[in-house]
């Protein structure tokens, strides 16, 4: 698998290259934003690890340029610790973010989760999780074999939750997926769509057993037989 690592700090870049080459990834690298875009066009990576704070062309600009031409998974690496920066990255189309300093095993775990979600879409349009079946080609959803009509945003919300059952998705990431171009969407909008989706797929929406709230963190999908 080809990954592009964009990092302007030499020691960090060297460490990441050694680690992922040892893991049998095909690694390409760039020390700045301009070279990152050149490498991206040249090698067509399957995943990008992208530093935000770089001289010249920032990671924000690189992400923006990538999203104009590709939906390749992008994981942001950032020393910024403001929640608004995380929201900004997700709204611009990043698949996940990780704050520095980070552990290499956590970075790899997040990468693997992103890769799994991407492969579900690339390899098979149909995803089956418990009683829920989603056909991404036709946008058809069935629960226990019965078709459920969802709005586009309800569909995208369910698709995100189904992509990694058991994982807690924070409000910021859900906002970034459902309202990528909005600066006004907030936690109340997420809550509203969780409510709408529960009303359509839960056996008992007032006592949800599939879409669970993890107080203070976000929402997750629990697999039911």
N, C-alpha and C. Protein backbone atom coordinates (compact mmCIF):
# COMPACT_ATOMS: atom_id res chain seq x y z
N UNK A 1 0.84 -1.20 0.00
CA UNK A 1 0.00 0.00 0.00
C UNK A 1 0.87 1.25 0.00
N UNK A 2 0.52 2.21 -0.83
CA UNK A 2 1.31 3.44 -0.95
C UNK A 2 0.77 4.53 -0.02
N UNK A 3 1.66 5.08 0.82
CA UNK A 3 1.27 6.20 1.66
C UNK A 3 2.23 7.36 1.40
N UNK A 4 1.68 8.56 1.50
CA UNK A 4 2.47 9.78 1.37
C UNK A 4 2.52 10.46 2.73
N UNK A 5 3.74 10.68 3.24
CA UNK A 5 3.93 11.34 4.53
C UNK A 5 4.42 12.76 4.27
N UNK A 6 3.63 13.73 4.72
CA UNK A 6 3.99 15.14 4.54
C UNK A 6 4.31 15.72 5.91
N UNK A 7 5.58 15.99 6.15
CA UNK A 7 6.04 16.42 7.48
C UNK A 7 7.31 17.25 7.32
N UNK A 8 7.32 18.47 7.90
CA UNK A 8 8.48 19.35 7.72
C UNK A 8 9.54 19.18 8.81
N UNK A 9 9.22 18.42 9.87
CA UNK A 9 10.19 18.20 10.94
C UNK A 9 11.03 16.96 10.60
N UNK A 10 12.32 17.11 10.32
CA UNK A 10 13.14 16.01 9.80
C UNK A 10 13.15 14.75 10.67
N UNK A 11 13.28 14.92 11.99
CA UNK A 11 13.35 13.74 12.86
C UNK A 11 12.03 12.97 12.85
N UNK A 12 10.92 13.70 12.88
CA UNK A 12 9.61 13.05 12.85
C UNK A 12 9.40 12.34 11.52
N UNK A 13 9.78 12.99 10.44
CA UNK A 13 9.64 12.38 9.12
C UNK A 13 10.48 11.12 9.01
N UNK A 14 11.70 11.18 9.50
CA UNK A 14 12.59 10.02 9.44
C UNK A 14 12.00 8.85 10.25
N UNK A 15 11.49 9.15 11.44
CA UNK A 15 10.90 8.11 12.29
C UNK A 15 9.71 7.45 11.61
N UNK A 16 8.83 8.25 11.03
CA UNK A 16 7.65 7.71 10.37
C UNK A 16 8.03 6.85 9.16
N UNK A 17 9.01 7.30 8.41
CA UNK A 17 9.45 6.53 7.24
C UNK A 17 10.01 5.18 7.65
N UNK A 18 10.86 5.16 8.65
CA UNK A 18 11.46 3.91 9.11
C UNK A 18 10.38 2.96 9.63
N UNK A 19 9.46 3.51 10.43
CA UNK A 19 8.42 2.68 11.05
C UNK A 19 7.52 2.04 9.99
N UNK A 20 7.03 2.82 9.04
CA UNK A 20 6.07 2.29 8.09
C UNK A 20 6.72 1.46 6.98
N UNK A 21 7.97 1.73 6.68
CA UNK A 21 8.66 0.83 5.76
C UNK A 21 8.87 -0.53 6.39
N UNK A 22 9.15 -0.54 7.70
CA UNK A 22 9.29 -1.81 8.42
C UNK A 22 7.97 -2.57 8.44
N UNK A 23 6.86 -1.84 8.33
CA UNK A 23 5.52 -2.45 8.29
C UNK A 23 5.11 -2.83 6.87
N UNK A 24 6.05 -2.71 5.93
CA UNK A 24 5.86 -3.11 4.53
C UNK A 24 4.97 -2.16 3.73
N UNK A 25 4.82 -0.91 4.19
CA UNK A 25 4.16 0.10 3.37
C UNK A 25 5.15 0.62 2.32
N UNK A 26 4.61 1.04 1.19
CA UNK A 26 5.42 1.72 0.19
C UNK A 26 5.34 3.21 0.52
N UNK A 27 6.44 3.76 1.03
CA UNK A 27 6.40 5.10 1.61
C UNK A 27 7.01 6.14 0.67
N UNK A 28 6.26 7.23 0.50
CA UNK A 28 6.76 8.41 -0.21
C UNK A 28 6.66 9.58 0.77
N UNK A 29 7.51 10.57 0.61
CA UNK A 29 7.52 11.65 1.59
C UNK A 29 7.73 13.00 0.94
N UNK A 30 7.33 14.02 1.69
CA UNK A 30 7.51 15.40 1.24
C UNK A 30 7.71 16.28 2.46
N UNK A 31 8.68 17.18 2.42
CA UNK A 31 8.96 18.04 3.58
C UNK A 31 8.15 19.34 3.60
N UNK A 32 7.38 19.59 2.56
CA UNK A 32 6.60 20.83 2.52
C UNK A 32 5.38 20.64 1.62
N UNK A 33 4.50 21.63 1.63
CA UNK A 33 3.25 21.52 0.90
C UNK A 33 3.40 21.48 -0.61
N UNK A 34 4.30 22.26 -1.14
CA UNK A 34 4.49 22.30 -2.59
C UNK A 34 4.94 20.93 -3.10
N UNK A 35 5.95 20.35 -2.45
CA UNK A 35 6.42 19.04 -2.88
C UNK A 35 5.37 17.97 -2.61
N UNK A 36 4.56 18.17 -1.58
CA UNK A 36 3.50 17.20 -1.28
C UNK A 36 2.54 17.07 -2.45
N UNK A 37 2.13 18.19 -3.02
CA UNK A 37 1.20 18.14 -4.15
C UNK A 37 1.86 17.55 -5.39
N UNK A 38 3.14 17.82 -5.56
CA UNK A 38 3.87 17.22 -6.68
C UNK A 38 3.93 15.70 -6.53
N UNK A 39 4.26 15.25 -5.33
CA UNK A 39 4.33 13.82 -5.05
C UNK A 39 2.95 13.17 -5.17
N UNK A 40 1.94 13.87 -4.71
CA UNK A 40 0.58 13.32 -4.77
C UNK A 40 0.18 13.04 -6.22
N UNK A 41 0.45 13.99 -7.10
CA UNK A 41 0.11 13.81 -8.52
C UNK A 41 0.97 12.73 -9.17
N UNK A 42 2.19 12.60 -8.70
CA UNK A 42 3.13 11.66 -9.32
C UNK A 42 2.88 10.22 -8.91
N UNK A 43 2.63 9.97 -7.62
CA UNK A 43 2.60 8.58 -7.13
C UNK A 43 1.20 8.06 -6.83
N UNK A 44 0.18 8.95 -6.77
CA UNK A 44 -1.20 8.55 -6.48
C UNK A 44 -1.27 7.67 -5.22
N UNK A 45 -0.95 8.23 -4.05
CA UNK A 45 -0.95 7.43 -2.82
C UNK A 45 -2.36 6.98 -2.45
N UNK A 46 -2.42 5.93 -1.64
CA UNK A 46 -3.72 5.41 -1.18
C UNK A 46 -4.10 5.97 0.19
N UNK A 47 -3.15 6.67 0.82
CA UNK A 47 -3.44 7.34 2.09
C UNK A 47 -2.39 8.43 2.29
N UNK A 48 -2.80 9.55 2.87
CA UNK A 48 -1.89 10.67 3.11
C UNK A 48 -1.86 11.00 4.60
N UNK A 49 -0.65 11.05 5.17
CA UNK A 49 -0.44 11.58 6.52
C UNK A 49 0.05 13.01 6.35
N UNK A 50 -0.74 13.96 6.82
CA UNK A 50 -0.50 15.35 6.46
C UNK A 50 -0.32 16.24 7.69
N UNK A 51 0.87 16.81 7.82
CA UNK A 51 1.14 17.80 8.87
C UNK A 51 0.43 19.10 8.48
N UNK A 52 -0.07 19.83 9.48
CA UNK A 52 -0.77 21.07 9.20
C UNK A 52 0.17 22.27 9.19
N UNK A 53 0.98 22.38 10.24
CA UNK A 53 1.83 23.56 10.39
C UNK A 53 3.12 23.39 9.61
N UNK A 54 3.15 23.94 8.40
CA UNK A 54 4.34 23.88 7.55
C UNK A 54 4.59 25.26 6.96
N UNK A 55 5.84 25.61 6.73
CA UNK A 55 6.13 26.90 6.10
C UNK A 55 5.68 26.91 4.65
N UNK A 56 5.34 28.09 4.17
CA UNK A 56 4.91 28.19 2.77
C UNK A 56 3.47 27.72 2.62
N UNK A 57 3.30 26.61 1.95
CA UNK A 57 1.97 26.05 1.71
C UNK A 57 1.57 25.17 2.89
N UNK A 58 0.56 25.60 3.64
CA UNK A 58 0.18 24.88 4.86
C UNK A 58 -0.57 23.59 4.53
N UNK A 59 -0.72 22.76 5.57
CA UNK A 59 -1.49 21.54 5.40
C UNK A 59 -2.94 21.80 5.03
N UNK A 60 -3.50 22.93 5.51
CA UNK A 60 -4.87 23.28 5.12
C UNK A 60 -4.98 23.44 3.61
N UNK A 61 -4.01 24.15 3.03
CA UNK A 61 -4.03 24.38 1.59
C UNK A 61 -3.81 23.09 0.81
N UNK A 62 -2.93 22.24 1.34
CA UNK A 62 -2.68 20.95 0.68
C UNK A 62 -3.94 20.10 0.71
N UNK A 63 -4.60 20.03 1.85
CA UNK A 63 -5.84 19.26 1.97
C UNK A 63 -6.89 19.79 0.99
N UNK A 64 -7.01 21.09 0.93
CA UNK A 64 -7.98 21.71 0.03
C UNK A 64 -7.69 21.32 -1.42
N UNK A 65 -6.42 21.35 -1.81
CA UNK A 65 -6.05 21.00 -3.18
C UNK A 65 -6.29 19.52 -3.47
N UNK A 66 -6.02 18.66 -2.49
CA UNK A 66 -6.26 17.23 -2.67
C UNK A 66 -7.74 16.95 -2.87
N UNK A 67 -8.58 17.60 -2.07
CA UNK A 67 -10.01 17.32 -2.14
C UNK A 67 -10.66 17.81 -3.43
N UNK A 68 -10.01 18.73 -4.12
CA UNK A 68 -10.52 19.16 -5.42
C UNK A 68 -10.44 18.02 -6.43
N UNK A 69 -9.43 17.17 -6.28
CA UNK A 69 -9.18 16.14 -7.29
C UNK A 69 -9.35 14.72 -6.82
N UNK A 70 -9.48 14.48 -5.50
CA UNK A 70 -9.46 13.10 -5.03
C UNK A 70 -10.17 12.95 -3.69
N UNK A 71 -10.69 11.74 -3.44
CA UNK A 71 -11.28 11.39 -2.15
C UNK A 71 -10.35 10.46 -1.37
N UNK A 72 -9.07 10.43 -1.71
CA UNK A 72 -8.11 9.58 -1.02
C UNK A 72 -8.14 9.90 0.48
N UNK A 73 -8.07 8.88 1.35
CA UNK A 73 -8.08 9.15 2.80
C UNK A 73 -6.91 10.03 3.23
N UNK A 74 -7.21 11.01 4.09
CA UNK A 74 -6.20 11.92 4.63
C UNK A 74 -6.33 11.95 6.15
N UNK A 75 -5.21 11.71 6.83
CA UNK A 75 -5.15 11.79 8.29
C UNK A 75 -4.25 12.96 8.65
N UNK A 76 -4.80 13.92 9.38
CA UNK A 76 -4.05 15.11 9.75
C UNK A 76 -3.21 14.86 11.00
N UNK A 77 -1.98 15.34 10.97
CA UNK A 77 -1.09 15.30 12.13
C UNK A 77 -0.85 16.75 12.54
N UNK A 78 -1.20 17.08 13.79
CA UNK A 78 -1.16 18.49 14.14
C UNK A 78 -0.70 18.73 15.57
N UNK A 79 0.03 19.82 15.75
CA UNK A 79 0.41 20.28 17.08
C UNK A 79 -0.64 21.24 17.63
N UNK A 80 -1.61 21.61 16.80
CA UNK A 80 -2.69 22.49 17.24
C UNK A 80 -3.61 21.73 18.18
N UNK A 81 -4.00 22.34 19.29
CA UNK A 81 -4.82 21.62 20.26
C UNK A 81 -6.20 22.23 20.46
N UNK A 82 -6.59 23.16 19.61
CA UNK A 82 -7.91 23.77 19.72
C UNK A 82 -8.96 22.87 19.04
N UNK A 83 -10.11 22.63 19.71
CA UNK A 83 -11.17 21.86 19.06
C UNK A 83 -11.61 22.45 17.73
N UNK A 84 -11.53 23.77 17.61
CA UNK A 84 -11.95 24.41 16.36
C UNK A 84 -11.04 24.01 15.20
N UNK A 85 -9.78 23.72 15.49
CA UNK A 85 -8.88 23.27 14.43
C UNK A 85 -9.25 21.87 13.96
N UNK A 86 -9.64 21.01 14.91
CA UNK A 86 -10.09 19.67 14.54
C UNK A 86 -11.35 19.76 13.69
N UNK A 87 -12.30 20.61 14.09
CA UNK A 87 -13.53 20.79 13.33
C UNK A 87 -13.21 21.29 11.93
N UNK A 88 -12.31 22.25 11.84
CA UNK A 88 -11.94 22.80 10.54
C UNK A 88 -11.40 21.71 9.62
N UNK A 89 -10.50 20.86 10.14
CA UNK A 89 -9.92 19.80 9.32
C UNK A 89 -10.97 18.82 8.83
N UNK A 90 -11.88 18.42 9.72
CA UNK A 90 -12.92 17.48 9.34
C UNK A 90 -13.89 18.11 8.35
N UNK A 91 -14.22 19.38 8.55
CA UNK A 91 -15.11 20.06 7.62
C UNK A 91 -14.48 20.22 6.24
N UNK A 92 -13.16 20.31 6.21
CA UNK A 92 -12.47 20.45 4.91
C UNK A 92 -12.30 19.10 4.20
N UNK A 93 -12.66 18.01 4.88
CA UNK A 93 -12.63 16.72 4.20
C UNK A 93 -11.61 15.73 4.72
N UNK A 94 -10.92 16.06 5.82
CA UNK A 94 -10.00 15.07 6.40
C UNK A 94 -10.81 13.91 6.98
N UNK A 95 -10.22 12.73 6.96
CA UNK A 95 -10.90 11.54 7.48
C UNK A 95 -10.70 11.38 8.98
N UNK A 96 -9.60 11.91 9.50
CA UNK A 96 -9.33 11.82 10.94
C UNK A 96 -8.19 12.77 11.25
N UNK A 97 -7.91 12.97 12.53
CA UNK A 97 -6.79 13.82 12.92
C UNK A 97 -6.18 13.24 14.19
N UNK A 98 -4.92 13.54 14.39
CA UNK A 98 -4.20 13.06 15.56
C UNK A 98 -3.28 14.17 16.04
N UNK A 99 -3.39 14.48 17.32
CA UNK A 99 -2.57 15.56 17.86
C UNK A 99 -1.18 15.07 18.23
N UNK A 100 -0.18 15.92 18.03
CA UNK A 100 1.19 15.64 18.43
C UNK A 100 1.38 16.05 19.88
N UNK A 101 2.24 15.35 20.61
CA UNK A 101 2.95 14.13 20.21
C UNK A 101 2.01 12.93 20.26
N UNK A 102 2.27 11.91 19.44
CA UNK A 102 1.40 10.75 19.37
C UNK A 102 2.23 9.48 19.46
N UNK A 103 1.56 8.40 19.78
CA UNK A 103 2.19 7.09 19.80
C UNK A 103 2.05 6.46 18.41
N UNK A 104 3.09 5.80 17.96
CA UNK A 104 3.06 5.21 16.62
C UNK A 104 1.99 4.13 16.49
N UNK A 105 1.74 3.39 17.56
CA UNK A 105 0.73 2.34 17.45
C UNK A 105 -0.67 2.93 17.34
N UNK A 106 -0.91 4.08 18.00
CA UNK A 106 -2.21 4.74 17.85
C UNK A 106 -2.37 5.29 16.44
N UNK A 107 -1.31 5.87 15.90
CA UNK A 107 -1.35 6.37 14.53
C UNK A 107 -1.68 5.24 13.56
N UNK A 108 -1.01 4.10 13.72
CA UNK A 108 -1.26 2.97 12.83
C UNK A 108 -2.68 2.45 12.98
N UNK A 109 -3.20 2.43 14.21
CA UNK A 109 -4.57 1.96 14.43
C UNK A 109 -5.57 2.87 13.73
N UNK A 110 -5.35 4.18 13.81
CA UNK A 110 -6.24 5.12 13.14
C UNK A 110 -6.14 4.97 11.62
N UNK A 111 -4.93 4.76 11.13
CA UNK A 111 -4.75 4.52 9.70
C UNK A 111 -5.52 3.28 9.25
N UNK A 112 -5.40 2.21 10.02
CA UNK A 112 -6.06 0.97 9.65
C UNK A 112 -7.58 1.13 9.62
N UNK A 113 -8.12 1.92 10.56
CA UNK A 113 -9.57 2.16 10.57
C UNK A 113 -9.99 2.92 9.32
N UNK A 114 -9.20 3.93 8.94
CA UNK A 114 -9.50 4.70 7.73
C UNK A 114 -9.43 3.80 6.50
N UNK A 115 -8.40 2.97 6.44
CA UNK A 115 -8.21 2.08 5.30
C UNK A 115 -9.37 1.09 5.19
N UNK A 116 -9.81 0.55 6.33
CA UNK A 116 -10.94 -0.38 6.31
C UNK A 116 -12.18 0.29 5.74
N UNK A 117 -12.45 1.52 6.17
CA UNK A 117 -13.63 2.22 5.66
C UNK A 117 -13.52 2.47 4.17
N UNK A 118 -12.32 2.86 3.73
CA UNK A 118 -12.13 3.12 2.31
C UNK A 118 -12.29 1.85 1.48
N UNK A 119 -11.80 0.74 1.99
CA UNK A 119 -11.90 -0.51 1.24
C UNK A 119 -13.33 -1.02 1.15
N UNK A 120 -14.13 -0.74 2.18
CA UNK A 120 -15.54 -1.12 2.11
C UNK A 120 -16.21 -0.49 0.91
N UNK A 121 -15.83 0.74 0.63
CA UNK A 121 -16.42 1.46 -0.50
C UNK A 121 -15.81 0.99 -1.82
N UNK A 122 -14.48 0.81 -1.84
CA UNK A 122 -13.80 0.47 -3.08
C UNK A 122 -14.08 -0.96 -3.54
N UNK A 123 -14.09 -1.90 -2.58
CA UNK A 123 -14.15 -3.30 -2.96
C UNK A 123 -15.57 -3.83 -3.10
N UNK A 124 -16.51 -3.26 -2.38
CA UNK A 124 -17.86 -3.80 -2.38
C UNK A 124 -18.82 -2.69 -2.03
N UNK A 125 -19.74 -2.41 -2.95
CA UNK A 125 -20.71 -1.36 -2.68
C UNK A 125 -21.68 -1.74 -1.57
N UNK A 126 -21.78 -3.03 -1.27
CA UNK A 126 -22.72 -3.49 -0.26
C UNK A 126 -22.00 -3.79 1.04
N UNK A 127 -22.51 -3.20 2.13
CA UNK A 127 -21.94 -3.40 3.46
C UNK A 127 -23.02 -3.99 4.36
N UNK A 128 -22.70 -5.08 5.02
CA UNK A 128 -23.65 -5.72 5.93
C UNK A 128 -23.09 -5.66 7.35
N UNK A 129 -23.83 -5.03 8.25
CA UNK A 129 -23.46 -4.97 9.67
C UNK A 129 -24.69 -5.35 10.47
N UNK A 130 -24.65 -6.50 11.11
CA UNK A 130 -25.82 -6.97 11.84
C UNK A 130 -27.01 -7.07 10.90
N UNK A 131 -28.16 -6.52 11.29
CA UNK A 131 -29.35 -6.58 10.44
C UNK A 131 -29.39 -5.51 9.37
N UNK A 132 -28.39 -4.62 9.37
CA UNK A 132 -28.38 -3.49 8.45
C UNK A 132 -27.56 -3.80 7.21
N UNK A 133 -28.15 -3.59 6.05
CA UNK A 133 -27.44 -3.77 4.77
C UNK A 133 -27.53 -2.47 3.99
N UNK A 134 -26.36 -1.96 3.55
CA UNK A 134 -26.31 -0.73 2.79
C UNK A 134 -25.68 -0.99 1.43
N UNK A 135 -26.36 -0.57 0.38
CA UNK A 135 -25.82 -0.66 -0.98
C UNK A 135 -25.47 0.76 -1.41
N UNK A 136 -24.17 1.06 -1.43
CA UNK A 136 -23.76 2.44 -1.71
C UNK A 136 -23.95 2.83 -3.16
N UNK A 137 -24.09 1.84 -4.03
CA UNK A 137 -24.33 2.16 -5.45
C UNK A 137 -25.75 2.66 -5.66
N UNK A 138 -26.71 1.99 -5.05
CA UNK A 138 -28.12 2.36 -5.22
C UNK A 138 -28.64 3.23 -4.07
N UNK A 139 -27.82 3.39 -3.01
CA UNK A 139 -28.22 4.13 -1.80
C UNK A 139 -29.42 3.46 -1.13
N UNK A 140 -29.50 2.15 -1.24
CA UNK A 140 -30.61 1.40 -0.66
C UNK A 140 -30.19 0.83 0.69
N UNK A 141 -31.05 1.00 1.69
CA UNK A 141 -30.79 0.51 3.03
C UNK A 141 -31.92 -0.42 3.44
N UNK A 142 -31.55 -1.59 3.97
CA UNK A 142 -32.55 -2.50 4.51
C UNK A 142 -32.18 -2.88 5.94
N UNK A 143 -33.19 -3.05 6.77
CA UNK A 143 -33.04 -3.52 8.14
C UNK A 143 -33.87 -4.79 8.27
N UNK A 144 -33.20 -5.90 8.57
CA UNK A 144 -33.88 -7.21 8.60
C UNK A 144 -34.61 -7.46 7.28
N UNK A 145 -34.01 -7.04 6.18
CA UNK A 145 -34.58 -7.29 4.86
C UNK A 145 -35.65 -6.30 4.43
N UNK A 146 -36.06 -5.40 5.30
CA UNK A 146 -37.10 -4.43 4.98
C UNK A 146 -36.46 -3.10 4.61
N UNK A 147 -36.82 -2.56 3.45
CA UNK A 147 -36.20 -1.32 2.99
C UNK A 147 -36.63 -0.14 3.85
N UNK A 148 -35.64 0.73 4.12
CA UNK A 148 -35.88 1.93 4.92
C UNK A 148 -35.49 3.15 4.07
N UNK A 149 -36.41 4.09 3.96
CA UNK A 149 -36.14 5.30 3.17
C UNK A 149 -35.44 6.33 4.03
N UNK A 150 -34.23 6.72 3.62
CA UNK A 150 -33.45 7.71 4.35
C UNK A 150 -33.20 8.93 3.50
N UNK A 151 -33.13 10.09 4.13
CA UNK A 151 -32.71 11.30 3.44
C UNK A 151 -31.20 11.21 3.19
N UNK A 152 -30.65 12.04 2.29
CA UNK A 152 -29.20 11.99 2.03
C UNK A 152 -28.35 12.14 3.30
N UNK A 153 -28.71 13.05 4.18
CA UNK A 153 -27.92 13.24 5.40
C UNK A 153 -28.09 12.07 6.37
N UNK A 154 -29.29 11.54 6.47
CA UNK A 154 -29.50 10.35 7.30
C UNK A 154 -28.67 9.18 6.77
N UNK A 155 -28.63 9.06 5.44
CA UNK A 155 -27.84 7.98 4.83
C UNK A 155 -26.36 8.16 5.14
N UNK A 156 -25.83 9.38 5.00
CA UNK A 156 -24.42 9.62 5.26
C UNK A 156 -24.07 9.39 6.72
N UNK A 157 -24.99 9.73 7.61
CA UNK A 157 -24.77 9.50 9.03
C UNK A 157 -24.69 8.00 9.32
N UNK A 158 -25.63 7.24 8.78
CA UNK A 158 -25.60 5.79 8.99
C UNK A 158 -24.37 5.17 8.35
N UNK A 159 -24.01 5.64 7.17
CA UNK A 159 -22.83 5.13 6.47
C UNK A 159 -21.56 5.34 7.30
N UNK A 160 -21.46 6.50 7.95
CA UNK A 160 -20.30 6.78 8.80
C UNK A 160 -20.27 5.83 9.99
N UNK A 161 -21.39 5.66 10.66
CA UNK A 161 -21.45 4.79 11.83
C UNK A 161 -21.18 3.33 11.46
N UNK A 162 -21.72 2.90 10.33
CA UNK A 162 -21.54 1.52 9.87
C UNK A 162 -20.10 1.24 9.47
N UNK A 163 -19.38 2.29 9.08
CA UNK A 163 -18.02 2.10 8.57
C UNK A 163 -17.07 1.53 9.61
N UNK A 164 -17.37 1.70 10.88
CA UNK A 164 -16.49 1.20 11.95
C UNK A 164 -17.32 0.92 13.19
N UNK A 165 -18.08 -0.18 13.19
CA UNK A 165 -18.96 -0.49 14.32
C UNK A 165 -18.20 -0.55 15.64
N UNK A 166 -18.79 0.04 16.66
CA UNK A 166 -18.17 0.06 17.97
C UNK A 166 -17.31 1.29 18.23
N UNK A 167 -16.88 1.95 17.17
CA UNK A 167 -16.07 3.16 17.34
C UNK A 167 -16.95 4.34 17.70
N UNK A 168 -16.50 5.16 18.62
CA UNK A 168 -17.22 6.36 19.00
C UNK A 168 -16.82 7.49 18.05
N UNK A 169 -17.80 8.04 17.33
CA UNK A 169 -17.55 9.16 16.43
C UNK A 169 -17.94 10.46 17.13
N UNK A 170 -16.99 11.38 17.30
CA UNK A 170 -17.30 12.64 17.98
C UNK A 170 -18.20 13.52 17.13
N UNK A 171 -18.88 14.43 17.79
CA UNK A 171 -19.77 15.35 17.08
C UNK A 171 -19.03 16.09 15.96
N UNK A 172 -17.78 16.48 16.23
CA UNK A 172 -17.03 17.24 15.23
C UNK A 172 -16.84 16.46 13.94
N UNK A 173 -16.58 15.16 14.06
CA UNK A 173 -16.37 14.35 12.87
C UNK A 173 -17.68 14.16 12.11
N UNK A 174 -18.78 14.00 12.84
CA UNK A 174 -20.08 13.87 12.19
C UNK A 174 -20.45 15.16 11.47
N UNK A 175 -20.19 16.29 12.10
CA UNK A 175 -20.44 17.58 11.46
C UNK A 175 -19.63 17.71 10.18
N UNK A 176 -18.35 17.33 10.24
CA UNK A 176 -17.50 17.41 9.07
C UNK A 176 -17.98 16.54 7.93
N UNK A 177 -18.62 15.40 8.22
CA UNK A 177 -19.13 14.52 7.18
C UNK A 177 -20.46 14.99 6.61
N UNK A 178 -21.36 15.46 7.48
CA UNK A 178 -22.70 15.82 7.03
C UNK A 178 -22.81 17.24 6.51
N UNK A 179 -21.98 18.14 7.06
CA UNK A 179 -22.03 19.54 6.64
C UNK A 179 -20.62 20.03 6.34
N UNK A 180 -19.95 19.49 5.32
CA UNK A 180 -18.54 19.81 5.07
C UNK A 180 -18.27 21.27 4.74
N UNK A 181 -19.28 21.99 4.25
CA UNK A 181 -19.06 23.37 3.84
C UNK A 181 -19.74 24.38 4.76
N UNK A 182 -20.30 23.91 5.86
CA UNK A 182 -21.06 24.79 6.74
C UNK A 182 -20.23 25.24 7.92
N UNK A 183 -20.39 26.51 8.28
CA UNK A 183 -19.75 27.04 9.48
C UNK A 183 -20.77 27.18 10.60
N UNK A 184 -22.03 26.83 10.32
CA UNK A 184 -23.09 27.04 11.30
C UNK A 184 -23.57 25.76 11.97
N UNK A 185 -23.30 24.60 11.36
CA UNK A 185 -23.75 23.34 11.95
C UNK A 185 -23.11 23.13 13.31
N UNK A 186 -23.88 22.58 14.25
CA UNK A 186 -23.35 22.38 15.59
C UNK A 186 -23.87 21.07 16.17
N UNK A 187 -23.62 20.86 17.46
CA UNK A 187 -23.98 19.61 18.12
C UNK A 187 -25.49 19.37 18.09
N UNK A 188 -26.28 20.44 18.10
CA UNK A 188 -27.72 20.27 18.07
C UNK A 188 -28.19 19.70 16.73
N UNK A 189 -27.50 20.05 15.65
CA UNK A 189 -27.83 19.48 14.34
C UNK A 189 -27.53 17.98 14.33
N UNK A 190 -26.40 17.61 14.92
CA UNK A 190 -26.06 16.19 15.01
C UNK A 190 -27.13 15.45 15.82
N UNK A 191 -27.50 16.01 16.95
CA UNK A 191 -28.51 15.39 17.80
C UNK A 191 -29.83 15.21 17.06
N UNK A 192 -30.19 16.20 16.26
CA UNK A 192 -31.44 16.11 15.49
C UNK A 192 -31.41 14.95 14.50
N UNK A 193 -30.28 14.79 13.80
CA UNK A 193 -30.20 13.73 12.80
C UNK A 193 -30.03 12.35 13.43
N UNK A 194 -29.40 12.29 14.58
CA UNK A 194 -29.37 11.03 15.32
C UNK A 194 -30.80 10.62 15.68
N UNK A 195 -31.58 11.58 16.14
CA UNK A 195 -32.99 11.34 16.49
C UNK A 195 -33.78 10.86 15.27
N UNK A 196 -33.61 11.54 14.13
CA UNK A 196 -34.34 11.15 12.92
C UNK A 196 -33.96 9.75 12.47
N UNK A 197 -32.67 9.44 12.52
CA UNK A 197 -32.20 8.13 12.09
C UNK A 197 -32.70 7.03 13.03
N UNK A 198 -32.65 7.30 14.31
CA UNK A 198 -33.16 6.31 15.27
C UNK A 198 -34.64 6.00 15.02
N UNK A 199 -35.40 7.03 14.69
CA UNK A 199 -36.82 6.83 14.45
C UNK A 199 -37.09 5.93 13.24
N UNK A 200 -36.12 5.85 12.36
CA UNK A 200 -36.31 5.04 11.15
C UNK A 200 -35.73 3.64 11.25
N UNK A 201 -34.70 3.43 12.09
CA UNK A 201 -34.06 2.11 12.09
C UNK A 201 -34.12 1.37 13.41
N UNK A 202 -34.41 2.07 14.51
CA UNK A 202 -34.42 1.42 15.81
C UNK A 202 -35.73 0.67 16.04
N UNK A 203 -35.69 -0.52 16.63
CA UNK A 203 -36.93 -1.21 17.01
C UNK A 203 -37.76 -0.38 17.99
N UNK A 204 -37.06 0.30 18.91
CA UNK A 204 -37.72 1.15 19.89
C UNK A 204 -36.90 2.44 20.01
N UNK A 205 -37.24 3.46 19.21
CA UNK A 205 -36.43 4.69 19.20
C UNK A 205 -36.27 5.35 20.56
N UNK A 206 -37.25 5.19 21.46
CA UNK A 206 -37.14 5.82 22.78
C UNK A 206 -36.15 5.08 23.68
N UNK A 207 -35.79 3.86 23.29
CA UNK A 207 -34.78 3.09 24.03
C UNK A 207 -33.83 2.46 23.01
N UNK A 208 -32.98 3.28 22.38
CA UNK A 208 -32.15 2.80 21.26
C UNK A 208 -31.17 1.71 21.68
N UNK A 209 -31.06 0.71 20.82
CA UNK A 209 -30.11 -0.39 21.11
C UNK A 209 -29.01 -0.47 20.06
N UNK A 210 -29.15 0.25 18.92
CA UNK A 210 -28.13 0.20 17.88
C UNK A 210 -27.26 1.46 17.90
N UNK A 211 -27.89 2.60 17.76
CA UNK A 211 -27.13 3.86 17.78
C UNK A 211 -27.10 4.35 19.22
N UNK A 212 -25.94 4.20 19.84
CA UNK A 212 -25.80 4.50 21.26
C UNK A 212 -25.08 5.83 21.48
N UNK A 213 -25.55 6.56 22.45
CA UNK A 213 -24.88 7.80 22.87
C UNK A 213 -23.81 7.47 23.89
N UNK A 214 -22.60 7.98 23.65
CA UNK A 214 -21.52 7.85 24.62
C UNK A 214 -21.33 9.25 25.20
N UNK A 215 -21.90 9.47 26.37
CA UNK A 215 -22.00 10.81 26.93
C UNK A 215 -20.65 11.50 27.03
N UNK A 216 -20.61 12.71 26.50
CA UNK A 216 -19.39 13.50 26.55
C UNK A 216 -18.43 13.22 25.41
N UNK A 217 -18.73 12.19 24.57
CA UNK A 217 -17.81 11.82 23.50
C UNK A 217 -18.48 11.83 22.13
N UNK A 218 -19.61 11.18 21.98
CA UNK A 218 -20.24 11.13 20.67
C UNK A 218 -21.21 9.97 20.55
N UNK A 219 -21.18 9.31 19.38
CA UNK A 219 -22.13 8.23 19.10
C UNK A 219 -21.40 7.04 18.46
N UNK A 220 -21.98 5.87 18.67
CA UNK A 220 -21.41 4.67 18.07
C UNK A 220 -22.52 3.73 17.64
N UNK A 221 -22.19 2.81 16.74
CA UNK A 221 -23.12 1.78 16.30
C UNK A 221 -22.76 0.48 16.98
N UNK A 222 -23.73 -0.09 17.69
CA UNK A 222 -23.52 -1.39 18.31
C UNK A 222 -24.14 -2.46 17.42
N UNK A 223 -23.36 -3.48 17.10
CA UNK A 223 -23.83 -4.54 16.22
C UNK A 223 -24.82 -5.41 16.97
N UNK A 224 -25.98 -5.59 16.35
CA UNK A 224 -27.02 -6.43 16.92
C UNK A 224 -27.26 -7.60 15.97
N UNK A 225 -27.56 -8.76 16.52
CA UNK A 225 -27.84 -9.94 15.70
C UNK A 225 -29.26 -9.87 15.16
